[in-house]
N, C-alpha and C. Protein backbone atom coordinates (compact mmCIF):
# COMPACT_ATOMS: atom_id res chain seq x y z
N MET A 1 140.66 77.44 31.51
CA MET A 1 140.04 78.43 32.37
C MET A 1 140.74 78.48 33.72
N LYS A 2 141.10 77.30 34.22
CA LYS A 2 141.78 77.22 35.52
C LYS A 2 143.14 77.92 35.46
N ASN A 3 143.86 77.75 34.34
CA ASN A 3 145.17 78.40 34.17
C ASN A 3 145.05 79.92 34.13
N ILE A 4 144.00 80.41 33.49
CA ILE A 4 143.78 81.85 33.41
C ILE A 4 143.54 82.43 34.81
N LEU A 5 142.75 81.74 35.62
CA LEU A 5 142.49 82.20 36.98
C LEU A 5 143.77 82.21 37.82
N ILE A 6 144.61 81.20 37.63
CA ILE A 6 145.89 81.14 38.35
C ILE A 6 146.78 82.31 37.94
N ILE A 7 146.86 82.58 36.65
CA ILE A 7 147.69 83.68 36.14
C ILE A 7 147.16 85.02 36.66
N VAL A 8 145.85 85.21 36.61
CA VAL A 8 145.25 86.45 37.12
C VAL A 8 145.54 86.60 38.61
N GLY A 9 145.44 85.52 39.36
CA GLY A 9 145.74 85.54 40.79
C GLY A 9 147.18 85.93 41.06
N ILE A 10 148.10 85.38 40.29
CA ILE A 10 149.53 85.71 40.45
C ILE A 10 149.77 87.18 40.14
N VAL A 11 149.15 87.68 39.07
CA VAL A 11 149.31 89.09 38.69
C VAL A 11 148.79 90.00 39.81
N ILE A 12 147.64 89.64 40.39
CA ILE A 12 147.09 90.45 41.48
C ILE A 12 148.01 90.43 42.69
N ILE A 13 148.54 89.28 43.03
CA ILE A 13 149.47 89.17 44.16
C ILE A 13 150.73 90.00 43.91
N LEU A 14 151.27 89.94 42.69
CA LEU A 14 152.45 90.74 42.36
C LEU A 14 152.14 92.23 42.45
N PHE A 15 151.00 92.62 41.94
CA PHE A 15 150.61 94.03 41.99
C PHE A 15 150.52 94.52 43.44
N ILE A 16 149.88 93.75 44.27
CA ILE A 16 149.75 94.11 45.68
C ILE A 16 151.13 94.16 46.35
N SER A 17 151.98 93.22 46.01
CA SER A 17 153.34 93.20 46.58
C SER A 17 154.10 94.47 46.23
N PHE A 18 154.05 94.86 44.96
CA PHE A 18 154.77 96.05 44.54
C PHE A 18 154.17 97.30 45.18
N LYS A 19 152.88 97.34 45.29
CA LYS A 19 152.21 98.53 45.83
C LYS A 19 152.52 98.74 47.31
N TYR A 20 152.58 97.68 48.08
CA TYR A 20 152.72 97.83 49.53
C TYR A 20 154.11 97.52 50.09
N PHE A 21 154.92 96.82 49.36
CA PHE A 21 156.20 96.39 49.92
C PHE A 21 157.41 97.04 49.28
N ILE A 22 157.25 97.72 48.19
CA ILE A 22 158.35 98.45 47.58
C ILE A 22 158.40 99.83 48.25
N PRO A 23 159.56 100.21 48.80
CA PRO A 23 159.63 101.52 49.46
C PRO A 23 159.35 102.64 48.47
N LYS A 24 158.57 103.59 48.92
CA LYS A 24 158.23 104.74 48.10
C LYS A 24 159.23 105.85 48.37
N GLU A 25 159.52 106.61 47.32
CA GLU A 25 160.38 107.77 47.51
C GLU A 25 159.52 108.88 48.11
N GLU A 26 159.89 109.28 49.30
CA GLU A 26 159.12 110.30 49.99
C GLU A 26 159.69 111.68 49.70
N ASN A 27 158.83 112.64 49.74
CA ASN A 27 159.26 114.02 49.59
C ASN A 27 159.87 114.48 50.91
N LYS A 28 161.18 114.58 50.96
CA LYS A 28 161.89 114.95 52.18
C LYS A 28 161.95 116.47 52.35
N SER A 29 161.45 117.18 51.36
CA SER A 29 161.51 118.63 51.43
C SER A 29 160.56 119.17 52.47
N ALA A 30 161.04 120.13 53.19
CA ALA A 30 160.22 120.84 54.16
C ALA A 30 160.94 122.15 54.45
N TYR A 31 160.21 123.08 54.98
CA TYR A 31 160.91 124.30 55.35
C TYR A 31 161.32 124.20 56.81
N HIS A 32 162.31 125.00 57.16
CA HIS A 32 162.86 124.98 58.51
C HIS A 32 162.61 126.33 59.16
N LYS A 33 162.14 126.32 60.38
CA LYS A 33 161.94 127.55 61.14
C LYS A 33 163.24 127.85 61.88
N ILE A 34 163.79 129.04 61.66
CA ILE A 34 165.05 129.41 62.31
C ILE A 34 164.89 130.78 62.97
N SER A 35 165.85 131.11 63.81
CA SER A 35 165.84 132.41 64.50
C SER A 35 166.49 133.48 63.63
N ALA A 36 166.31 134.73 64.03
CA ALA A 36 166.95 135.84 63.34
C ALA A 36 168.47 135.69 63.39
N LEU A 37 168.99 135.25 64.52
CA LEU A 37 170.43 135.06 64.66
C LEU A 37 170.94 134.00 63.68
N GLU A 38 170.22 132.88 63.58
CA GLU A 38 170.64 131.83 62.64
C GLU A 38 170.58 132.35 61.20
N ALA A 39 169.55 133.12 60.88
CA ALA A 39 169.44 133.69 59.54
C ALA A 39 170.60 134.64 59.26
N LYS A 40 170.93 135.47 60.23
CA LYS A 40 172.04 136.42 60.08
C LYS A 40 173.36 135.68 59.83
N GLU A 41 173.58 134.59 60.57
CA GLU A 41 174.79 133.80 60.38
C GLU A 41 174.83 133.18 58.98
N MET A 42 173.70 132.69 58.51
CA MET A 42 173.65 132.12 57.16
C MET A 42 173.91 133.19 56.11
N MET A 43 173.39 134.40 56.32
CA MET A 43 173.63 135.51 55.40
C MET A 43 175.11 135.86 55.34
N GLU A 44 175.76 135.86 56.50
CA GLU A 44 177.18 136.19 56.55
C GLU A 44 178.04 135.15 55.86
N GLN A 45 177.60 133.89 55.87
CA GLN A 45 178.32 132.83 55.17
C GLN A 45 178.16 132.96 53.66
N GLY A 46 177.09 133.61 53.23
CA GLY A 46 176.86 133.86 51.81
C GLY A 46 176.15 132.72 51.10
N ASN A 47 175.97 132.91 49.80
CA ASN A 47 175.35 131.94 48.90
C ASN A 47 173.91 131.60 49.31
N VAL A 48 173.16 132.61 49.74
CA VAL A 48 171.74 132.44 50.07
C VAL A 48 170.94 133.52 49.36
N ILE A 49 169.68 133.24 49.15
CA ILE A 49 168.73 134.24 48.66
C ILE A 49 167.90 134.68 49.86
N ILE A 50 167.76 135.98 50.06
CA ILE A 50 166.92 136.51 51.13
C ILE A 50 165.63 136.97 50.46
N LEU A 51 164.54 136.32 50.80
CA LEU A 51 163.27 136.57 50.14
C LEU A 51 162.31 137.31 51.07
N ASP A 52 161.95 138.54 50.67
CA ASP A 52 160.98 139.35 51.40
C ASP A 52 159.63 139.13 50.75
N VAL A 53 158.66 138.60 51.49
CA VAL A 53 157.36 138.27 50.90
C VAL A 53 156.27 139.26 51.30
N ARG A 54 156.68 140.46 51.71
CA ARG A 54 155.71 141.51 52.05
C ARG A 54 155.26 142.23 50.77
N ARG A 55 154.39 143.21 50.95
CA ARG A 55 153.96 144.05 49.84
C ARG A 55 155.07 145.05 49.50
N GLU A 56 154.99 145.63 48.30
CA GLU A 56 156.02 146.56 47.85
C GLU A 56 156.12 147.79 48.75
N ASP A 57 154.99 148.31 49.22
CA ASP A 57 155.05 149.49 50.08
C ASP A 57 155.74 149.18 51.41
N GLU A 58 155.56 147.97 51.92
CA GLU A 58 156.24 147.56 53.15
C GLU A 58 157.74 147.44 52.90
N TYR A 59 158.09 146.86 51.76
CA TYR A 59 159.50 146.69 51.39
C TYR A 59 160.19 148.06 51.30
N LYS A 60 159.53 149.01 50.66
CA LYS A 60 160.11 150.35 50.50
C LYS A 60 160.27 151.06 51.84
N GLY A 61 159.47 150.68 52.83
CA GLY A 61 159.57 151.27 54.16
C GLY A 61 160.77 150.78 54.95
N GLY A 62 161.41 149.74 54.49
CA GLY A 62 162.60 149.18 55.13
C GLY A 62 162.67 147.69 54.90
N HIS A 63 163.85 147.24 54.52
CA HIS A 63 164.04 145.82 54.23
C HIS A 63 165.46 145.39 54.57
N ILE A 64 165.66 144.10 54.62
CA ILE A 64 166.98 143.54 54.91
C ILE A 64 167.85 143.67 53.66
N LYS A 65 169.08 144.09 53.87
CA LYS A 65 170.02 144.30 52.77
C LYS A 65 170.10 143.06 51.88
N ASN A 66 170.11 143.29 50.58
CA ASN A 66 170.22 142.26 49.54
C ASN A 66 169.00 141.36 49.43
N SER A 67 167.89 141.75 50.05
CA SER A 67 166.69 140.92 49.93
C SER A 67 166.01 141.15 48.58
N VAL A 68 165.31 140.12 48.12
CA VAL A 68 164.56 140.15 46.87
C VAL A 68 163.08 140.20 47.24
N LEU A 69 162.35 141.13 46.65
CA LEU A 69 160.92 141.26 46.93
C LEU A 69 160.12 140.35 46.00
N VAL A 70 159.39 139.41 46.59
CA VAL A 70 158.41 138.59 45.88
C VAL A 70 157.20 138.48 46.82
N PRO A 71 156.21 139.35 46.65
CA PRO A 71 155.07 139.33 47.56
C PRO A 71 154.41 137.95 47.64
N ASN A 72 154.03 137.57 48.84
CA ASN A 72 153.45 136.25 49.08
C ASN A 72 152.30 135.95 48.13
N GLU A 73 151.44 136.94 47.89
CA GLU A 73 150.27 136.68 47.05
C GLU A 73 150.62 136.43 45.59
N THR A 74 151.87 136.71 45.19
CA THR A 74 152.27 136.43 43.80
C THR A 74 152.91 135.05 43.65
N ILE A 75 153.17 134.38 44.76
CA ILE A 75 153.77 133.04 44.70
C ILE A 75 152.66 132.05 44.40
N ASN A 76 152.78 131.35 43.27
CA ASN A 76 151.79 130.34 42.93
C ASN A 76 152.50 129.01 42.73
N ASN A 77 151.99 128.16 41.90
CA ASN A 77 152.57 126.82 41.76
C ASN A 77 153.67 126.74 40.71
N MET A 78 154.28 127.86 40.37
CA MET A 78 155.34 127.86 39.37
C MET A 78 156.67 128.28 40.00
N VAL A 79 157.75 127.79 39.41
CA VAL A 79 159.10 128.17 39.85
C VAL A 79 159.24 129.68 39.66
N LEU A 80 159.78 130.34 40.66
CA LEU A 80 159.94 131.79 40.60
C LEU A 80 161.00 132.17 39.59
N LYS A 81 160.70 133.14 38.74
CA LYS A 81 161.69 133.58 37.75
C LYS A 81 162.91 134.19 38.45
N GLU A 82 162.69 134.75 39.64
CA GLU A 82 163.80 135.34 40.40
C GLU A 82 164.72 134.26 40.99
N ILE A 83 164.20 133.05 41.16
CA ILE A 83 164.98 131.96 41.77
C ILE A 83 164.73 130.67 40.98
N PRO A 84 165.39 130.49 39.84
CA PRO A 84 165.14 129.30 39.03
C PRO A 84 165.75 128.01 39.60
N ASP A 85 166.71 128.13 40.51
CA ASP A 85 167.40 126.96 41.07
C ASP A 85 166.64 126.43 42.28
N LEU A 86 166.02 125.25 42.14
CA LEU A 86 165.22 124.66 43.22
C LEU A 86 166.07 124.22 44.42
N ASP A 87 167.37 124.10 44.23
CA ASP A 87 168.26 123.67 45.31
C ASP A 87 168.88 124.85 46.07
N LYS A 88 168.62 126.05 45.63
CA LYS A 88 169.19 127.24 46.26
C LYS A 88 168.67 127.39 47.68
N THR A 89 169.51 127.84 48.59
CA THR A 89 169.09 128.10 49.96
C THR A 89 168.37 129.45 49.99
N ILE A 90 167.13 129.42 50.50
CA ILE A 90 166.29 130.61 50.52
C ILE A 90 165.88 130.92 51.95
N LEU A 91 166.17 132.15 52.38
CA LEU A 91 165.76 132.64 53.70
C LEU A 91 164.54 133.53 53.49
N VAL A 92 163.43 133.21 54.15
CA VAL A 92 162.16 133.90 53.92
C VAL A 92 161.75 134.72 55.14
N TYR A 93 161.31 135.95 54.90
CA TYR A 93 160.77 136.76 55.99
C TYR A 93 159.62 137.63 55.48
N CYS A 94 158.84 138.12 56.42
CA CYS A 94 157.74 139.05 56.11
C CYS A 94 157.73 140.12 57.20
N ARG A 95 156.55 140.55 57.63
CA ARG A 95 156.48 141.55 58.69
C ARG A 95 156.43 140.89 60.06
N SER A 96 155.51 139.92 60.22
CA SER A 96 155.31 139.32 61.55
C SER A 96 155.59 137.82 61.61
N GLY A 97 155.66 137.15 60.48
CA GLY A 97 155.91 135.71 60.46
C GLY A 97 154.81 134.88 59.84
N ARG A 98 153.62 135.45 59.71
CA ARG A 98 152.50 134.69 59.15
C ARG A 98 152.69 134.45 57.64
N ARG A 99 152.98 135.50 56.90
CA ARG A 99 153.16 135.36 55.44
C ARG A 99 154.41 134.57 55.10
N SER A 100 155.46 134.70 55.92
CA SER A 100 156.68 133.93 55.63
C SER A 100 156.43 132.44 55.79
N LYS A 101 155.62 132.06 56.76
CA LYS A 101 155.25 130.65 56.93
C LYS A 101 154.45 130.16 55.73
N ASP A 102 153.46 130.94 55.32
CA ASP A 102 152.63 130.59 54.17
C ASP A 102 153.49 130.49 52.90
N ALA A 103 154.35 131.47 52.68
CA ALA A 103 155.21 131.47 51.50
C ALA A 103 156.17 130.28 51.53
N SER A 104 156.71 129.96 52.70
CA SER A 104 157.64 128.83 52.83
C SER A 104 156.95 127.53 52.44
N MET A 105 155.72 127.35 52.88
CA MET A 105 154.98 126.14 52.52
C MET A 105 154.72 126.09 51.01
N LYS A 106 154.39 127.23 50.42
CA LYS A 106 154.17 127.28 48.97
C LYS A 106 155.45 126.92 48.21
N LEU A 107 156.57 127.46 48.66
CA LEU A 107 157.85 127.20 47.99
C LEU A 107 158.21 125.72 48.05
N VAL A 108 157.96 125.09 49.18
CA VAL A 108 158.21 123.65 49.30
C VAL A 108 157.30 122.89 48.34
N ASP A 109 156.04 123.29 48.27
CA ASP A 109 155.10 122.63 47.36
C ASP A 109 155.52 122.77 45.90
N ILE A 110 156.12 123.90 45.55
CA ILE A 110 156.61 124.11 44.19
C ILE A 110 157.79 123.18 43.90
N GLY A 111 158.59 122.88 44.93
CA GLY A 111 159.73 121.99 44.73
C GLY A 111 161.05 122.50 45.27
N TYR A 112 161.04 123.69 45.86
CA TYR A 112 162.27 124.20 46.47
C TYR A 112 162.62 123.34 47.67
N LYS A 113 163.91 123.08 47.85
CA LYS A 113 164.34 122.10 48.84
C LYS A 113 165.00 122.68 50.09
N ASN A 114 165.47 123.90 50.04
CA ASN A 114 166.23 124.48 51.15
C ASN A 114 165.61 125.81 51.58
N ILE A 115 164.48 125.72 52.25
CA ILE A 115 163.72 126.90 52.65
C ILE A 115 163.87 127.10 54.16
N TYR A 116 164.23 128.32 54.55
CA TYR A 116 164.40 128.66 55.97
C TYR A 116 163.56 129.90 56.27
N ASP A 117 162.58 129.74 57.13
CA ASP A 117 161.68 130.83 57.53
C ASP A 117 162.21 131.43 58.83
N PHE A 118 162.55 132.72 58.78
CA PHE A 118 163.02 133.35 60.02
C PHE A 118 162.04 134.41 60.52
N GLY A 119 160.79 134.29 60.11
CA GLY A 119 159.73 135.09 60.71
C GLY A 119 159.60 136.49 60.17
N GLY A 120 159.40 137.43 61.09
CA GLY A 120 159.09 138.79 60.69
C GLY A 120 160.19 139.79 60.94
N ILE A 121 160.17 140.84 60.12
CA ILE A 121 161.17 141.90 60.26
C ILE A 121 160.97 142.65 61.58
N ILE A 122 159.79 142.57 62.17
CA ILE A 122 159.57 143.24 63.46
C ILE A 122 160.42 142.61 64.56
N ASP A 123 160.86 141.38 64.35
CA ASP A 123 161.74 140.70 65.31
C ASP A 123 163.20 140.72 64.88
N TRP A 124 163.53 141.43 63.81
CA TRP A 124 164.88 141.48 63.27
C TRP A 124 165.66 142.55 64.03
N PRO A 125 166.63 142.16 64.86
CA PRO A 125 167.34 143.14 65.69
C PRO A 125 168.52 143.82 64.98
N TYR A 126 168.71 143.50 63.72
CA TYR A 126 169.88 144.00 62.99
C TYR A 126 169.46 145.13 62.05
N GLU A 127 170.44 145.66 61.37
CA GLU A 127 170.25 146.80 60.49
C GLU A 127 169.32 146.47 59.31
N ILE A 128 168.54 147.47 58.91
CA ILE A 128 167.73 147.35 57.69
C ILE A 128 168.03 148.54 56.79
N GLU A 129 167.70 148.39 55.51
CA GLU A 129 167.89 149.46 54.53
C GLU A 129 166.57 150.11 54.21
N LYS A 130 166.64 151.39 53.89
CA LYS A 130 165.41 152.10 53.46
C LYS A 130 165.59 152.65 52.08
């Protein structure tokens, strides 16, 4: 009986050691807030997805060239069919910045690793397409 208690004690100590002293892999993913200028520079360098998270009617009223429309309310906990690569650099915008922030957080939660929120199109000083 004494040996069993010693073994149980050792197992408990080992369990506690592993739980508290082994470094945990942290989720380093987060979205980054950037300016319109920084977003424009990234677009010019290429190899980015420009994600418009407004409604379709807003998109049709004017959008940034080469942007992909995925309304914020359609983003759920699944990888987007439009962007299957979780490592792809994604630039997110909406009208004023509120939905782009919300969408950016959702994308990080899904597992996307390179999310850049540049706010709203109302602050975009560059050309848009209609």
